[in-house]
PDB file of N, CA and C in Angstrom:
ATOM      1  N   MET A   1     125.069  95.892  95.210  1.00  0.00           N
ATOM      2  CA  MET A   1     125.149  95.474  96.681  1.00  0.00           C
ATOM      3  C   MET A   1     123.938  95.109  97.132  1.00  0.00           C
ATOM      4  N   GLN A   2     124.011  93.951  97.920  1.00  0.00           N
ATOM      5  CA  GLN A   2     122.738  93.730  98.678  1.00  0.00           C
ATOM      6  C   GLN A   2     123.107  93.335 100.141  1.00  0.00           C
ATOM      7  N   ALA A   3     122.056  93.821 101.012  1.00  0.00           N
ATOM      8  CA  ALA A   3     122.244  93.728 102.374  1.00  0.00           C
ATOM      9  C   ALA A   3     120.930  93.629 102.985  1.00  0.00           C
ATOM     10  N   ASN A   4     120.825  93.116 104.239  1.00  0.00           N
ATOM     11  CA  ASN A   4     119.709  93.175 105.051  1.00  0.00           C
ATOM     12  C   ASN A   4     119.206  94.551 105.260  1.00  0.00           C
ATOM     13  N   TRP A   5     118.204  94.823 106.056  1.00  0.00           N
ATOM     14  CA  TRP A   5     117.570  96.221 106.227  1.00  0.00           C
ATOM     15  C   TRP A   5     118.573  97.116 106.998  1.00  0.00           C
ATOM     16  N   PHE A   6     119.231  96.298 108.138  1.00  0.00           N
ATOM     17  CA  PHE A   6     119.935  97.031 109.089  1.00  0.00           C
ATOM     18  C   PHE A   6     121.314  97.361 108.549  1.00  0.00           C
ATOM     19  N   ARG A   7     121.884  96.392 107.677  1.00  0.00           N
ATOM     20  CA  ARG A   7     123.074  96.811 107.055  1.00  0.00           C
ATOM     21  C   ARG A   7     123.022  97.796 106.094  1.00  0.00           C
ATOM     22  N   ALA A   8     121.842  97.741 105.310  1.00  0.00           N
ATOM     23  CA  ALA A   8     121.603  98.745 104.233  1.00  0.00           C
ATOM     24  C   ALA A   8     121.568 100.219 104.853  1.00  0.00           C
ATOM     25  N   ALA A   9     120.837 100.232 106.058  1.00  0.00           N
ATOM     26  CA  ALA A   9     120.707 101.473 106.796  1.00  0.00           C
ATOM     27  C   ALA A   9     122.159 102.067 107.299  1.00  0.00           C
ATOM     28  N   GLN A  10     122.912 101.214 107.828  1.00  0.00           N
ATOM     29  CA  GLN A  10     124.310 101.520 108.246  1.00  0.00           C
ATOM     30  C   GLN A  10     125.176 101.838 107.174  1.00  0.00           C
ATOM     31  N   TYR A  11     124.938 101.133 105.861  1.00  0.00           N
ATOM     32  CA  TYR A  11     125.659 101.620 104.771  1.00  0.00           C
ATOM     33  C   TYR A  11     125.429 103.253 104.328  1.00  0.00           C
ATOM     34  N   CYS A  12     124.033 103.498 104.308  1.00  0.00           N
ATOM     35  CA  CYS A  12     123.645 104.668 103.940  1.00  0.00           C
ATOM     36  C   CYS A  12     124.159 105.790 104.737  1.00  0.00           C
ATOM     37  N   ARG A  13     123.821 105.519 106.158  1.00  0.00           N
ATOM     38  CA  ARG A  13     124.525 106.532 107.190  1.00  0.00           C
ATOM     39  C   ARG A  13     126.049 106.747 107.053  1.00  0.00           C
ATOM     40  N   PHE A  14     126.780 105.637 106.954  1.00  0.00           N
ATOM     41  CA  PHE A  14     128.025 105.755 106.722  1.00  0.00           C
ATOM     42  C   PHE A  14     128.512 106.637 105.645  1.00  0.00           C
ATOM     43  N   HIS A  15     127.857 106.672 104.766  1.00  0.00           N
ATOM     44  CA  HIS A  15     128.101 107.525 103.460  1.00  0.00           C
ATOM     45  C   HIS A  15     127.418 108.744 103.296  1.00  0.00           C
ATOM     46  N   GLY A  16     126.875 109.233 104.747  1.00  0.00           N
ATOM     47  CA  GLY A  16     126.179 110.542 104.888  1.00  0.00           C
ATOM     48  C   GLY A  16     124.846 110.573 104.133  1.00  0.00           C
ATOM     49  N   MET A  17     124.022 109.577 104.008  1.00  0.00           N
ATOM     50  CA  MET A  17     122.745 109.333 103.478  1.00  0.00           C
ATOM     51  C   MET A  17     121.766 108.757 104.378  1.00  0.00           C
ATOM     52  N   HIS A  18     120.659 108.352 103.798  1.00  0.00           N
ATOM     53  CA  HIS A  18     119.714 107.649 104.615  1.00  0.00           C
ATOM     54  C   HIS A  18     119.003 106.639 103.730  1.00  0.00           C
ATOM     55  N   LEU A  19     118.440 105.574 104.218  1.00  0.00           N
ATOM     56  CA  LEU A  19     117.584 104.737 103.356  1.00  0.00           C
ATOM     57  C   LEU A  19     116.530 105.501 102.825  1.00  0.00           C
ATOM     58  N   ALA A  20     115.969 105.429 101.766  1.00  0.00           N
ATOM     59  CA  ALA A  20     114.905 106.285 101.046  1.00  0.00           C
ATOM     60  C   ALA A  20     113.557 106.269 101.768  1.00  0.00           C
ATOM     61  N   SER A  21     113.014 107.431 101.794  1.00  0.00           N
ATOM     62  CA  SER A  21     111.707 107.546 102.323  1.00  0.00           C
ATOM     63  C   SER A  21     111.012 108.176 100.985  1.00  0.00           C
ATOM     64  N   ILE A  22     109.483 107.862 101.014  1.00  0.00           N
ATOM     65  CA  ILE A  22     108.752 108.092  99.883  1.00  0.00           C
ATOM     66  C   ILE A  22     107.515 108.856 100.448  1.00  0.00           C
ATOM     67  N   SER A  23     107.352 110.227 100.052  1.00  0.00           N
ATOM     68  CA  SER A  23     106.278 111.007 100.505  1.00  0.00           C
ATOM     69  C   SER A  23     105.102 111.346  99.614  1.00  0.00           C
ATOM     70  N   SER A  24     105.371 110.994  98.270  1.00  0.00           N
ATOM     71  CA  SER A  24     104.504 111.440  97.293  1.00  0.00           C
ATOM     72  C   SER A  24     104.497 110.376  96.096  1.00  0.00           C
ATOM     73  N   GLN A  25     103.231 110.409  95.309  1.00  0.00           N
ATOM     74  CA  GLN A  25     103.230 109.513  94.123  1.00  0.00           C
ATOM     75  C   GLN A  25     104.417 109.977  93.093  1.00  0.00           C
ATOM     76  N   GLU A  26     104.632 111.323  93.047  1.00  0.00           N
ATOM     77  CA  GLU A  26     105.472 111.885  92.321  1.00  0.00           C
ATOM     78  C   GLU A  26     106.959 111.255  92.590  1.00  0.00           C
ATOM     79  N   GLU A  27     107.366 111.308  93.867  1.00  0.00           N
ATOM     80  CA  GLU A  27     108.500 110.729  94.450  1.00  0.00           C
ATOM     81  C   GLU A  27     108.646 109.190  94.193  1.00  0.00           C
ATOM     82  N   ASN A  28     107.586 108.585  94.414  1.00  0.00           N
ATOM     83  CA  ASN A  28     107.473 107.115  94.037  1.00  0.00           C
ATOM     84  C   ASN A  28     107.705 106.923  92.553  1.00  0.00           C
ATOM     85  N   ASP A  29     107.165 107.462  91.834  1.00  0.00           N
ATOM     86  CA  ASP A  29     107.274 107.256  90.396  1.00  0.00           C
ATOM     87  C   ASP A  29     108.754 107.665  89.762  1.00  0.00           C
ATOM     88  N   ARG A  30     109.194 108.801  90.370  1.00  0.00           N
ATOM     89  CA  ARG A  30     110.624 109.169  89.946  1.00  0.00           C
ATOM     90  C   ARG A  30     111.693 107.973  90.310  1.00  0.00           C
ATOM     91  N   LEU A  31     111.424 107.503  91.699  1.00  0.00           N
ATOM     92  CA  LEU A  31     112.427 106.539  92.184  1.00  0.00           C
ATOM     93  C   LEU A  31     112.136 105.195  91.234  1.00  0.00           C
ATOM     94  N   GLU A  32     111.071 104.896  90.871  1.00  0.00           N
ATOM     95  CA  GLU A  32     110.760 103.628  90.138  1.00  0.00           C
ATOM     96  C   GLU A  32     111.312 103.866  88.760  1.00  0.00           C
ATOM     97  N   LYS A  33     111.184 104.823  88.105  1.00  0.00           N
ATOM     98  CA  LYS A  33     111.738 105.249  86.827  1.00  0.00           C
ATOM     99  C   LYS A  33     113.240 104.972  86.817  1.00  0.00           C
ATOM    100  N   HIS A  34     113.990 105.584  87.897  1.00  0.00           N
ATOM    101  CA  HIS A  34     115.335 105.577  88.279  1.00  0.00           C
ATOM    102  C   HIS A  34     115.985 104.131  88.176  1.00  0.00           C
ATOM    103  N   ILE A  35     115.128 103.343  89.062  1.00  0.00           N
ATOM    104  CA  ILE A  35     115.306 101.736  89.085  1.00  0.00           C
ATOM    105  C   ILE A  35     115.330 101.160  87.916  1.00  0.00           C
ATOM    106  N   ARG A  36     114.140 101.310  87.197  1.00  0.00           N
ATOM    107  CA  ARG A  36     113.958 100.744  86.009  1.00  0.00           C
ATOM    108  C   ARG A  36     115.000 101.146  84.865  1.00  0.00           C
ATOM    109  N   ASP A  37     115.365 102.318  84.741  1.00  0.00           N
ATOM    110  CA  ASP A  37     116.495 102.833  83.868  1.00  0.00           C
ATOM    111  C   ASP A  37     117.944 102.231  84.173  1.00  0.00           C
ATOM    112  N   TYR A  38     118.141 101.542  85.429  1.00  0.00           N
ATOM    113  CA  TYR A  38     119.114 100.835  85.658  1.00  0.00           C
ATOM    114  C   TYR A  38     119.239  99.433  85.420  1.00  0.00           C
ATOM    115  N   GLY A  39     117.852  98.986  84.740  1.00  0.00           N
ATOM    116  CA  GLY A  39     117.672  97.641  84.550  1.00  0.00           C
ATOM    117  C   GLY A  39     117.374  96.760  85.644  1.00  0.00           C
ATOM    118  N   LEU A  40     116.952  97.342  86.848  1.00  0.00           N
ATOM    119  CA  LEU A  40     116.658  96.392  87.950  1.00  0.00           C
ATOM    120  C   LEU A  40     115.312  96.474  88.304  1.00  0.00           C
ATOM    121  N   GLY A  41     114.373  96.719  87.498  1.00  0.00           N
ATOM    122  CA  GLY A  41     112.831  96.944  87.965  1.00  0.00           C
ATOM    123  C   GLY A  41     112.205  95.763  88.330  1.00  0.00           C
ATOM    124  N   ASN A  42     113.002  94.601  88.117  1.00  0.00           N
ATOM    125  CA  ASN A  42     112.381  93.194  88.835  1.00  0.00           C
ATOM    126  C   ASN A  42     112.994  92.854  90.003  1.00  0.00           C
ATOM    127  N   GLU A  43     113.882  93.700  90.594  1.00  0.00           N
ATOM    128  CA  GLU A  43     114.600  93.158  91.967  1.00  0.00           C
ATOM    129  C   GLU A  43     113.859  93.837  93.121  1.00  0.00           C
ATOM    130  N   HIS A  44     114.203  93.421  94.475  1.00  0.00           N
ATOM    131  CA  HIS A  44     113.618  94.079  95.448  1.00  0.00           C
ATOM    132  C   HIS A  44     114.697  95.315  96.058  1.00  0.00           C
ATOM    133  N   PHE A  45     114.019  96.163  96.740  1.00  0.00           N
ATOM    134  CA  PHE A  45     114.730  97.341  97.256  1.00  0.00           C
ATOM    135  C   PHE A  45     114.290  97.684  98.663  1.00  0.00           C
ATOM    136  N   TRP A  46     115.090  97.899  99.449  1.00  0.00           N
ATOM    137  CA  TRP A  46     114.620  98.337 100.862  1.00  0.00           C
ATOM    138  C   TRP A  46     114.343  99.896 100.788  1.00  0.00           C
ATOM    139  N   THR A  47     113.676 100.302 101.541  1.00  0.00           N
ATOM    140  CA  THR A  47     113.108 101.840 101.924  1.00  0.00           C
ATOM    141  C   THR A  47     113.563 101.850 103.418  1.00  0.00           C
ATOM    142  N   SER A  48     113.395 103.032 103.936  1.00  0.00           N
ATOM    143  CA  SER A  48     113.481 103.137 105.316  1.00  0.00           C
ATOM    144  C   SER A  48     112.213 102.885 106.169  1.00  0.00           C
ATOM    145  N   GLY A  49     111.206 102.511 105.470  1.00  0.00           N
ATOM    146  CA  GLY A  49     109.837 102.162 106.074  1.00  0.00           C
ATOM    147  C   GLY A  49     109.953 100.911 107.068  1.00  0.00           C
ATOM    148  N   THR A  50     109.546 101.084 108.281  1.00  0.00           N
ATOM    149  CA  THR A  50     109.502  99.872 109.032  1.00  0.00           C
ATOM    150  C   THR A  50     108.272 100.086 110.184  1.00  0.00           C
ATOM    151  N   ASP A  51     107.707  98.900 110.680  1.00  0.00           N
ATOM    152  CA  ASP A  51     106.840  99.020 111.796  1.00  0.00           C
ATOM    153  C   ASP A  51     107.362  98.156 112.950  1.00  0.00           C
ATOM    154  N   LEU A  52     108.727  98.115 113.204  1.00  0.00           N
ATOM    155  CA  LEU A  52     109.304  97.500 114.270  1.00  0.00           C
ATOM    156  C   LEU A  52     109.055  98.003 115.380  1.00  0.00           C
ATOM    157  N   ALA A  53     108.706  99.192 115.576  1.00  0.00           N
ATOM    158  CA  ALA A  53     108.567  99.903 116.955  1.00  0.00           C
ATOM    159  C   ALA A  53     107.038  99.509 117.352  1.00  0.00           C
ATOM    160  N   ASP A  54     106.128  99.336 116.369  1.00  0.00           N
ATOM    161  CA  ASP A  54     104.783  99.408 116.730  1.00  0.00           C
ATOM    162  C   ASP A  54     103.984  98.615 115.633  1.00  0.00           C
ATOM    163  N   GLU A  55     103.718  97.370 115.722  1.00  0.00           N
ATOM    164  CA  GLU A  55     103.285  96.647 114.576  1.00  0.00           C
ATOM    165  C   GLU A  55     102.012  97.182 113.943  1.00  0.00           C
ATOM    166  N   GLY A  56     102.117  97.386 112.637  1.00  0.00           N
ATOM    167  CA  GLY A  56     100.920  97.839 111.792  1.00  0.00           C
ATOM    168  C   GLY A  56     101.055  99.512 111.717  1.00  0.00           C
ATOM    169  N   ASN A  57     101.973 100.085 112.415  1.00  0.00           N
ATOM    170  CA  ASN A  57     102.114 101.527 112.305  1.00  0.00           C
ATOM    171  C   ASN A  57     103.397 101.783 111.581  1.00  0.00           C
ATOM    172  N   PHE A  58     103.439 101.761 110.278  1.00  0.00           N
ATOM    173  CA  PHE A  58     104.741 102.127 109.654  1.00  0.00           C
ATOM    174  C   PHE A  58     105.184 103.442 109.649  1.00  0.00           C
ATOM    175  N   PHE A  59     106.342 103.701 109.747  1.00  0.00           N
ATOM    176  CA  PHE A  59     107.020 105.061 109.772  1.00  0.00           C
ATOM    177  C   PHE A  59     108.418 105.000 108.839  1.00  0.00           C
ATOM    178  N   TRP A  60     109.019 106.154 108.543  1.00  0.00           N
ATOM    179  CA  TRP A  60     110.162 106.340 107.756  1.00  0.00           C
ATOM    180  C   TRP A  60     111.232 106.529 108.903  1.00  0.00           C
ATOM    181  N   MET A  61     111.974 105.431 109.042  1.00  0.00           N
ATOM    182  CA  MET A  61     113.165 105.524 109.972  1.00  0.00           C
ATOM    183  C   MET A  61     114.090 106.715 109.699  1.00  0.00           C
ATOM    184  N   ALA A  62     114.163 107.125 108.429  1.00  0.00           N
ATOM    185  CA  ALA A  62     115.232 108.082 107.921  1.00  0.00           C
ATOM    186  C   ALA A  62     114.692 109.458 108.597  1.00  0.00           C
ATOM    187  N   ASN A  63     113.416 109.690 108.753  1.00  0.00           N
ATOM    188  CA  ASN A  63     113.063 111.084 109.245  1.00  0.00           C
ATOM    189  C   ASN A  63     112.118 111.046 110.466  1.00  0.00           C
ATOM    190  N   GLY A  64     111.744 109.764 110.644  1.00  0.00           N
ATOM    191  CA  GLY A  64     110.816 109.469 111.933  1.00  0.00           C
ATOM    192  C   GLY A  64     109.423 109.786 111.721  1.00  0.00           C
ATOM    193  N   ARG A  65     109.021 110.176 110.516  1.00  0.00           N
ATOM    194  CA  ARG A  65     107.612 110.491 110.099  1.00  0.00           C
ATOM    195  C   ARG A  65     106.733 109.318 109.809  1.00  0.00           C
ATOM    196  N   PRO A  66     105.433 109.445 110.449  1.00  0.00           N
ATOM    197  CA  PRO A  66     104.600 108.436 109.902  1.00  0.00           C
ATOM    198  C   PRO A  66     104.300 108.372 108.427  1.00  0.00           C
ATOM    199  N   ILE A  67     104.109 107.280 108.006  1.00  0.00           N
ATOM    200  CA  ILE A  67     103.971 107.004 106.353  1.00  0.00           C
ATOM    201  C   ILE A  67     102.468 107.704 106.135  1.00  0.00           C
ATOM    202  N   THR A  68     102.358 108.613 105.278  1.00  0.00           N
ATOM    203  CA  THR A  68     101.024 109.141 104.881  1.00  0.00           C
ATOM    204  C   THR A  68     100.731 108.776 103.333  1.00  0.00           C
ATOM    205  N   PHE A  69     101.509 108.977 102.475  1.00  0.00           N
ATOM    206  CA  PHE A  69     101.309 108.412 101.111  1.00  0.00           C
ATOM    207  C   PHE A  69     101.699 106.904 101.210  1.00  0.00           C
ATOM    208  N   THR A  70     100.809 106.122 100.686  1.00  0.00           N
ATOM    209  CA  THR A  70     101.190 104.727 100.479  1.00  0.00           C
ATOM    210  C   THR A  70     101.066 104.167  99.146  1.00  0.00           C
ATOM    211  N   ASN A  71     101.718 103.199  98.664  1.00  0.00           N
ATOM    212  CA  ASN A  71     101.691 102.561  97.453  1.00  0.00           C
ATOM    213  C   ASN A  71     101.819 100.966  97.717  1.00  0.00           C
ATOM    214  N   TRP A  72     100.995 100.436  98.491  1.00  0.00           N
ATOM    215  CA  TRP A  72     101.254  99.013  98.873  1.00  0.00           C
ATOM    216  C   TRP A  72     100.647  98.242  97.801  1.00  0.00           C
ATOM    217  N   ASN A  73     101.245  96.810  97.656  1.00  0.00           N
ATOM    218  CA  ASN A  73     100.682  95.902  96.708  1.00  0.00           C
ATOM    219  C   ASN A  73      99.246  95.474  97.267  1.00  0.00           C
ATOM    220  N   ALA A  74      98.473  94.730  96.491  1.00  0.00           N
ATOM    221  CA  ALA A  74      97.380  94.148  97.018  1.00  0.00           C
ATOM    222  C   ALA A  74      97.609  93.336  98.109  1.00  0.00           C
ATOM    223  N   GLY A  75      96.765  93.359  99.192  1.00  0.00           N
ATOM    224  CA  GLY A  75      96.818  92.234 100.128  1.00  0.00           C
ATOM    225  C   GLY A  75      98.078  92.737 101.236  1.00  0.00           C
ATOM    226  N   GLU A  76      98.683  93.892 101.090  1.00  0.00           N
ATOM    227  CA  GLU A  76      99.900  94.256 101.856  1.00  0.00           C
ATOM    228  C   GLU A  76      99.638  95.428 102.723  1.00  0.00           C
ATOM    229  N   PRO A  77     100.213  95.772 103.772  1.00  0.00           N
ATOM    230  CA  PRO A  77     101.006  94.931 104.418  1.00  0.00           C
ATOM    231  C   PRO A  77     100.176  93.716 105.102  1.00  0.00           C
ATOM    232  N   ASN A  78     100.852  92.608 105.182  1.00  0.00           N
ATOM    233  CA  ASN A  78     100.181  91.394 105.886  1.00  0.00           C
ATOM    234  C   ASN A  78     100.984  90.765 107.106  1.00  0.00           C
ATOM    235  N   ASN A  79     102.192  91.235 107.360  1.00  0.00           N
ATOM    236  CA  ASN A  79     102.853  90.829 108.367  1.00  0.00           C
ATOM    237  C   ASN A  79     103.102  89.181 108.436  1.00  0.00           C
ATOM    238  N   PHE A  80     103.142  88.654 107.222  1.00  0.00           N
ATOM    239  CA  PHE A  80     103.355  87.146 107.297  1.00  0.00           C
ATOM    240  C   PHE A  80     104.323  86.643 108.033  1.00  0.00           C
ATOM    241  N   ARG A  81     103.944  85.456 108.905  1.00  0.00           N
ATOM    242  CA  ARG A  81     104.798  85.072 109.946  1.00  0.00           C
ATOM    243  C   ARG A  81     105.513  83.665 109.268  1.00  0.00           C
ATOM    244  N   TYR A  82     106.892  83.682 109.280  1.00  0.00           N
ATOM    245  CA  TYR A  82     107.575  82.588 108.754  1.00  0.00           C
ATOM    246  C   TYR A  82     107.688  81.347 109.777  1.00  0.00           C
ATOM    247  N   GLU A  83     108.089  80.121 109.276  1.00  0.00           N
ATOM    248  CA  GLU A  83     108.330  79.047 110.055  1.00  0.00           C
ATOM    249  C   GLU A  83     109.150  79.298 111.094  1.00  0.00           C
ATOM    250  N   ASN A  84     110.221  80.189 110.931  1.00  0.00           N
ATOM    251  CA  ASN A  84     111.047  80.386 112.057  1.00  0.00           C
ATOM    252  C   ASN A  84     110.648  81.408 113.057  1.00  0.00           C
ATOM    253  N   GLY A  85     109.516  81.831 112.868  1.00  0.00           N
ATOM    254  CA  GLY A  85     108.839  82.777 113.636  1.00  0.00           C
ATOM    255  C   GLY A  85     109.113  84.329 113.240  1.00  0.00           C
ATOM    256  N   GLU A  86     109.834  84.543 112.381  1.00  0.00           N
ATOM    257  CA  GLU A  86     110.080  85.928 111.949  1.00  0.00           C
ATOM    258  C   GLU A  86     108.947  86.332 111.178  1.00  0.00           C
ATOM    259  N   GLU A  87     108.672  87.853 111.560  1.00  0.00           N
ATOM    260  CA  GLU A  87     107.621  88.368 110.742  1.00  0.00           C
ATOM    261  C   GLU A  87     108.110  89.468 109.788  1.00  0.00           C
ATOM    262  N   GLU A  88     107.216  90.260 109.143  1.00  0.00           N
ATOM    263  CA  GLU A  88     107.666  90.984 108.226  1.00  0.00           C
ATOM    264  C   GLU A  88     107.329  92.593 108.653  1.00  0.00           C
ATOM    265  N   ASN A  89     108.665  93.165 108.982  1.00  0.00           N
ATOM    266  CA  ASN A  89     108.659  94.493 109.834  1.00  0.00           C
ATOM    267  C   ASN A  89     109.312  95.650 108.869  1.00  0.00           C
ATOM    268  N   CYS A  90     109.813  95.408 107.695  1.00  0.00           N
ATOM    269  CA  CYS A  90     110.519  96.121 106.828  1.00  0.00           C
ATOM    270  C   CYS A  90     110.022  96.481 105.532  1.00  0.00           C
ATOM    271  N   LEU A  91     109.931  97.635 104.989  1.00  0.00           N
ATOM    272  CA  LEU A  91     109.320  97.986 103.720  1.00  0.00           C
ATOM    273  C   LEU A  91     110.189  98.008 102.617  1.00  0.00           C
ATOM    274  N   GLU A  92     109.776  97.092 101.551  1.00  0.00           N
ATOM    275  CA  GLU A  92     110.459  96.978 100.299  1.00  0.00           C
ATOM    276  C   GLU A  92     109.650  97.424  99.123  1.00  0.00           C
ATOM    277  N   LEU A  93     110.473  97.770  98.067  1.00  0.00           N
ATOM    278  CA  LEU A  93     109.825  97.926  96.751  1.00  0.00           C
ATOM    279  C   LEU A  93     109.872  96.615  96.165  1.00  0.00           C
ATOM    280  N   TRP A  94     108.954  96.238  95.407  1.00  0.00           N
ATOM    281  CA  TRP A  94     109.136  94.848  94.760  1.00  0.00           C
ATOM    282  C   TRP A  94     107.921  94.752  93.487  1.00  0.00           C
ATOM    283  N   ASN A  95     108.457  94.398  92.456  1.00  0.00           N
ATOM    284  CA  ASN A  95     107.556  94.301  91.314  1.00  0.00           C
ATOM    285  C   ASN A  95     107.202  92.827  91.265  1.00  0.00           C
ATOM    286  N   ARG A  96     106.226  92.657  92.233  1.00  0.00           N
ATOM    287  CA  ARG A  96     105.639  91.133  92.469  1.00  0.00           C
ATOM    288  C   ARG A  96     104.920  90.461  91.254  1.00  0.00           C
ATOM    289  N   ASP A  97     104.029  91.373  90.586  1.00  0.00           N
ATOM    290  CA  ASP A  97     103.286  90.787  89.528  1.00  0.00           C
ATOM    291  C   ASP A  97     103.130  91.640  88.156  1.00  0.00           C
ATOM    292  N   GLY A  98     104.238  92.206  87.978  1.00  0.00           N
ATOM    293  CA  GLY A  98     104.401  93.062  86.849  1.00  0.00           C
ATOM    294  C   GLY A  98     103.531  94.393  86.668  1.00  0.00           C
ATOM    295  N   LYS A  99     103.030  94.791  87.800  1.00  0.00           N
ATOM    296  CA  LYS A  99     102.567  96.052  87.920  1.00  0.00           C
ATOM    297  C   LYS A  99     103.206  97.231  88.535  1.00  0.00           C
ATOM    298  N   GLY A 100     104.606  97.027  88.489  1.00  0.00           N
ATOM    299  CA  GLY A 100     105.451  97.969  88.694  1.00  0.00           C
ATOM    300  C   GLY A 100     105.920  97.845  90.257  1.00  0.00           C
ATOM    301  N   LEU A 101     106.833  98.660  90.676  1.00  0.00           N
ATOM    302  CA  LEU A 101     107.396  98.572  92.052  1.00  0.00           C
ATOM    303  C   LEU A 101     106.470  99.050  93.115  1.00  0.00           C
ATOM    304  N   LYS A 102     105.744  98.079  93.692  1.00  0.00           N
ATOM    305  CA  LYS A 102     104.767  98.498  94.813  1.00  0.00           C
ATOM    306  C   LYS A 102     105.340  98.037  96.059  1.00  0.00           C
ATOM    307  N   TRP A 103     104.755  98.438  97.076  1.00  0.00           N
ATOM    308  CA  TRP A 103     105.492  98.186  98.244  1.00  0.00           C
ATOM    309  C   TRP A 103     104.791  96.839  99.068  1.00  0.00           C
ATOM    310  N   ASN A 104     105.809  96.281  99.859  1.00  0.00           N
ATOM    311  CA  ASN A 104     105.538  95.064 100.406  1.00  0.00           C
ATOM    312  C   ASN A 104     106.176  95.046 101.727  1.00  0.00           C
ATOM    313  N   ASP A 105     105.779  94.577 102.819  1.00  0.00           N
ATOM    314  CA  ASP A 105     106.487  94.284 104.020  1.00  0.00           C
ATOM    315  C   ASP A 105     107.069  92.882 104.033  1.00  0.00           C
ATOM    316  N   THR A 106     108.260  92.793 104.545  1.00  0.00           N
ATOM    317  CA  THR A 106     109.102  91.568 104.298  1.00  0.00           C
ATOM    318  C   THR A 106     110.105  91.655 105.528  1.00  0.00           C
ATOM    319  N   PRO A 107     110.385  90.399 105.964  1.00  0.00           N
ATOM    320  CA  PRO A 107     111.588  90.416 107.075  1.00  0.00           C
ATOM    321  C   PRO A 107     112.719  91.186 106.837  1.00  0.00           C
ATOM    322  N   CYS A 108     113.156  91.839 107.841  1.00  0.00           N
ATOM    323  CA  CYS A 108     114.252  92.785 107.678  1.00  0.00           C
ATOM    324  C   CYS A 108     115.653  92.061 107.522  1.00  0.00           C
ATOM    325  N   SER A 109     115.630  90.843 107.765  1.00  0.00           N
ATOM    326  CA  SER A 109     116.836  90.015 107.451  1.00  0.00           C
ATOM    327  C   SER A 109     117.069  89.513 106.148  1.00  0.00           C
ATOM    328  N   PHE A 110     115.992  89.919 105.123  1.00  0.00           N
ATOM    329  CA  PHE A 110     116.088  89.658 103.823  1.00  0.00           C
ATOM    330  C   PHE A 110     117.283  90.422 103.258  1.00  0.00           C
ATOM    331  N   GLU A 111     118.147  89.715 102.440  1.00  0.00           N
ATOM    332  CA  GLU A 111     119.220  90.492 101.933  1.00  0.00           C
ATOM    333  C   GLU A 111     118.880  90.853 100.365  1.00  0.00           C
ATOM    334  N   THR A 112     118.759  92.121 100.238  1.00  0.00           N
ATOM    335  CA  THR A 112     118.404  92.677  98.847  1.00  0.00           C
ATOM    336  C   THR A 112     119.087  93.924  98.605  1.00  0.00           C
ATOM    337  N   TYR A 113     118.605  94.611  97.539  1.00  0.00           N
ATOM    338  CA  TYR A 113     119.193  95.707  97.192  1.00  0.00           C
ATOM    339  C   TYR A 113     118.655  96.882  98.063  1.00  0.00           C
ATOM    340  N   PHE A 114     119.192  98.106  97.812  1.00  0.00           N
ATOM    341  CA  PHE A 114     118.611  99.263  98.704  1.00  0.00           C
ATOM    342  C   PHE A 114     118.731 100.572  98.117  1.00  0.00           C
ATOM    343  N   VAL A 115     117.977 101.626  98.593  1.00  0.00           N
ATOM    344  CA  VAL A 115     118.277 102.875  98.022  1.00  0.00           C
ATOM    345  C   VAL A 115     118.564 103.817  98.949  1.00  0.00           C
ATOM    346  N   CYS A 116     119.720 104.637  98.899  1.00  0.00           N
ATOM    347  CA  CYS A 116     120.095 105.564  99.788  1.00  0.00           C
ATOM    348  C   CYS A 116     119.516 106.929  98.973  1.00  0.00           C
ATOM    349  N   GLU A 117     119.314 107.933 100.010  1.00  0.00           N
ATOM    350  CA  GLU A 117     119.029 109.332  99.427  1.00  0.00           C
ATOM    351  C   GLU A 117     119.815 110.322 100.437  1.00  0.00           C
ATOM    352  N   VAL A 118     120.124 111.416  99.811  1.00  0.00           N
ATOM    353  CA  VAL A 118     120.837 112.486 100.469  1.00  0.00           C
ATOM    354  C   VAL A 118     119.464 113.448 101.126  1.00  0.00           C
ATOM    355  N   GLN A 119     119.645 113.511 102.362  1.00  0.00           N
ATOM    356  CA  GLN A 119     118.630 114.287 102.908  1.00  0.00           C
ATOM    357  C   GLN A 119     118.676 115.876 102.679  1.00  0.00           C
TER     358      GLN A 119
END
């Protein structure tokens, strides 16, 4: 199932969960292994990370905590601005250049896979 960031968050909440938050390298690696084991290691996955409230200050929407551990891809987050004016305010996991599922900021309207977690 694929959805934009808001619908993904809604789906997780409806089912008693939240979009995933990542607070450590261990958690990051465990999640990446889980995704790879499903054969989806080259796809994009929403997390609950966003800087919609304050550009450049990412936090986990699921728990309201600022992001302390990070695993950004090189040059990210860059808040790229698209021709339609949309900027990148939501945090996805993406294997951009074969180095594993690194973090990237991307438009929240992007329809992709997502990871829910039980709190």
